[in-house]
Amino acid sequence: MDESVRPLTLGEWMLTLLVLAIPLVNILMYLYWAFAGRNLNRKRFCQASLIWFLIVLGLGLVLGILGALFSLGMSM
């Protein structure tokens, strides 16, 4: 079976989740596995996680800006 499409074993998933739980290391590994990873399953998982992170970050920024503008408007 081609190594890039081989399903990850339970142990490999456990190791992946452990590495992703370590602060700062997780950011580097998300980026590495999303863009240079050899296993397609892990690569797609990291890409999807990064996309969700960007969506949540964008929504947080928009809501934060709207909240700040609303609070400024209420104080005037």
C-alpha atoms as a PDB file:
ATOM      1  CA  MET A   1       0.000   0.000   0.000  1.00  0.00           C
ATOM      2  CA  ASP A   2       1.211   3.504  -0.828  1.00  0.00           C
ATOM      3  CA  GLU A   3       2.654   5.131   2.319  1.00  0.00           C
ATOM      4  CA  SER A   4       0.967   8.481   1.619  1.00  0.00           C
ATOM      5  CA  VAL A   5      -2.578   7.056   1.727  1.00  0.00           C
ATOM      6  CA  ARG A   6      -2.040   4.359   4.363  1.00  0.00           C
ATOM      7  CA  PRO A   7      -4.393   4.911   7.311  1.00  0.00           C
ATOM      8  CA  LEU A   8      -2.645   5.979  10.493  1.00  0.00           C
ATOM      9  CA  THR A   9      -2.585   3.382  13.253  1.00  0.00           C
ATOM     10  CA  LEU A  10      -4.076   4.052  16.666  1.00  0.00           C
ATOM     11  CA  GLY A  11      -0.570   4.571  18.060  1.00  0.00           C
ATOM     12  CA  GLU A  12       0.277   7.087  15.339  1.00  0.00           C
ATOM     13  CA  TRP A  13      -2.933   9.009  16.080  1.00  0.00           C
ATOM     14  CA  MET A  14      -2.139   8.968  19.810  1.00  0.00           C
ATOM     15  CA  LEU A  15       1.346  10.338  19.087  1.00  0.00           C
ATOM     16  CA  THR A  16      -0.092  12.954  16.721  1.00  0.00           C
ATOM     17  CA  LEU A  17      -2.564  14.185  19.335  1.00  0.00           C
ATOM     18  CA  LEU A  18       0.142  14.201  22.022  1.00  0.00           C
ATOM     19  CA  VAL A  19       2.453  16.331  19.854  1.00  0.00           C
ATOM     20  CA  LEU A  20      -0.407  18.688  18.995  1.00  0.00           C
ATOM     21  CA  ALA A  21      -1.096  19.186  22.725  1.00  0.00           C
ATOM     22  CA  ILE A  22       2.379  20.675  23.351  1.00  0.00           C
ATOM     23  CA  PRO A  23       2.314  24.499  23.192  1.00  0.00           C
ATOM     24  CA  LEU A  24       4.435  26.136  20.448  1.00  0.00           C
ATOM     25  CA  VAL A  25       5.483  22.738  19.106  1.00  0.00           C
ATOM     26  CA  ASN A  26       1.890  22.205  17.963  1.00  0.00           C
ATOM     27  CA  ILE A  27       1.947  25.300  15.743  1.00  0.00           C
ATOM     28  CA  LEU A  28       5.111  24.182  13.985  1.00  0.00           C
ATOM     29  CA  MET A  29       3.851  20.633  13.577  1.00  0.00           C
ATOM     30  CA  TYR A  30       0.434  21.764  12.280  1.00  0.00           C
ATOM     31  CA  LEU A  31       2.204  23.817   9.607  1.00  0.00           C
ATOM     32  CA  TYR A  32       4.722  21.079   8.785  1.00  0.00           C
ATOM     33  CA  TRP A  33       2.129  18.320   8.535  1.00  0.00           C
ATOM     34  CA  ALA A  34      -0.355  20.531   6.634  1.00  0.00           C
ATOM     35  CA  PHE A  35       2.100  21.578   3.937  1.00  0.00           C
ATOM     36  CA  ALA A  36       4.968  19.065   3.891  1.00  0.00           C
ATOM     37  CA  GLY A  37       3.475  15.990   5.518  1.00  0.00           C
ATOM     38  CA  ARG A  38       3.821  12.667   3.754  1.00  0.00           C
ATOM     39  CA  ASN A  39       0.664  11.002   5.090  1.00  0.00           C
ATOM     40  CA  LEU A  40      -2.441  12.295   3.323  1.00  0.00           C
ATOM     41  CA  ASN A  41      -4.743  11.594   6.296  1.00  0.00           C
ATOM     42  CA  ARG A  42      -2.655  13.631   8.739  1.00  0.00           C
ATOM     43  CA  LYS A  43      -2.073  16.313   6.096  1.00  0.00           C
ATOM     44  CA  ARG A  44      -5.808  16.821   5.474  1.00  0.00           C
ATOM     45  CA  PHE A  45      -6.548  16.779   9.224  1.00  0.00           C
ATOM     46  CA  CYS A  46      -3.997  19.551   9.838  1.00  0.00           C
ATOM     47  CA  GLN A  47      -5.205  21.564   6.848  1.00  0.00           C
ATOM     48  CA  ALA A  48      -8.806  21.367   8.059  1.00  0.00           C
ATOM     49  CA  SER A  49      -7.757  22.324  11.604  1.00  0.00           C
ATOM     50  CA  LEU A  50      -5.855  25.356  10.323  1.00  0.00           C
ATOM     51  CA  ILE A  51      -8.825  26.453   8.215  1.00  0.00           C
ATOM     52  CA  TRP A  52     -11.126  26.208  11.264  1.00  0.00           C
ATOM     53  CA  PHE A  53      -8.574  28.177  13.293  1.00  0.00           C
ATOM     54  CA  LEU A  54      -8.575  30.960  10.685  1.00  0.00           C
ATOM     55  CA  ILE A  55     -12.393  31.013  10.557  1.00  0.00           C
ATOM     56  CA  VAL A  56     -12.684  31.261  14.345  1.00  0.00           C
ATOM     57  CA  LEU A  57      -9.919  33.891  14.480  1.00  0.00           C
ATOM     58  CA  GLY A  58     -11.691  35.965  11.816  1.00  0.00           C
ATOM     59  CA  LEU A  59     -15.044  35.722  13.588  1.00  0.00           C
ATOM     60  CA  GLY A  60     -13.399  36.652  16.890  1.00  0.00           C
ATOM     61  CA  LEU A  61     -11.790  39.713  15.338  1.00  0.00           C
ATOM     62  CA  VAL A  62     -15.037  40.848  13.717  1.00  0.00           C
ATOM     63  CA  LEU A  63     -17.030  40.337  16.921  1.00  0.00           C
ATOM     64  CA  GLY A  64     -14.322  42.048  18.971  1.00  0.00           C
ATOM     65  CA  ILE A  65     -14.314  45.070  16.683  1.00  0.00           C
ATOM     66  CA  LEU A  66     -18.118  45.227  16.668  1.00  0.00           C
ATOM     67  CA  GLY A  67     -18.158  44.915  20.455  1.00  0.00           C
ATOM     68  CA  ALA A  68     -15.620  47.707  20.822  1.00  0.00           C
ATOM     69  CA  LEU A  69     -17.557  49.956  18.446  1.00  0.00           C
ATOM     70  CA  PHE A  70     -20.808  49.188  20.255  1.00  0.00           C
ATOM     71  CA  SER A  71     -19.310  49.942  23.655  1.00  0.00           C
ATOM     72  CA  LEU A  72     -17.835  53.193  22.340  1.00  0.00           C
ATOM     73  CA  GLY A  73     -21.228  54.157  20.911  1.00  0.00           C
ATOM     74  CA  MET A  74     -22.969  53.415  24.205  1.00  0.00           C
ATOM     75  CA  SER A  75     -20.540  55.541  26.202  1.00  0.00           C
ATOM     76  CA  MET A  76     -21.015  58.640  24.051  1.00  0.00           C
END
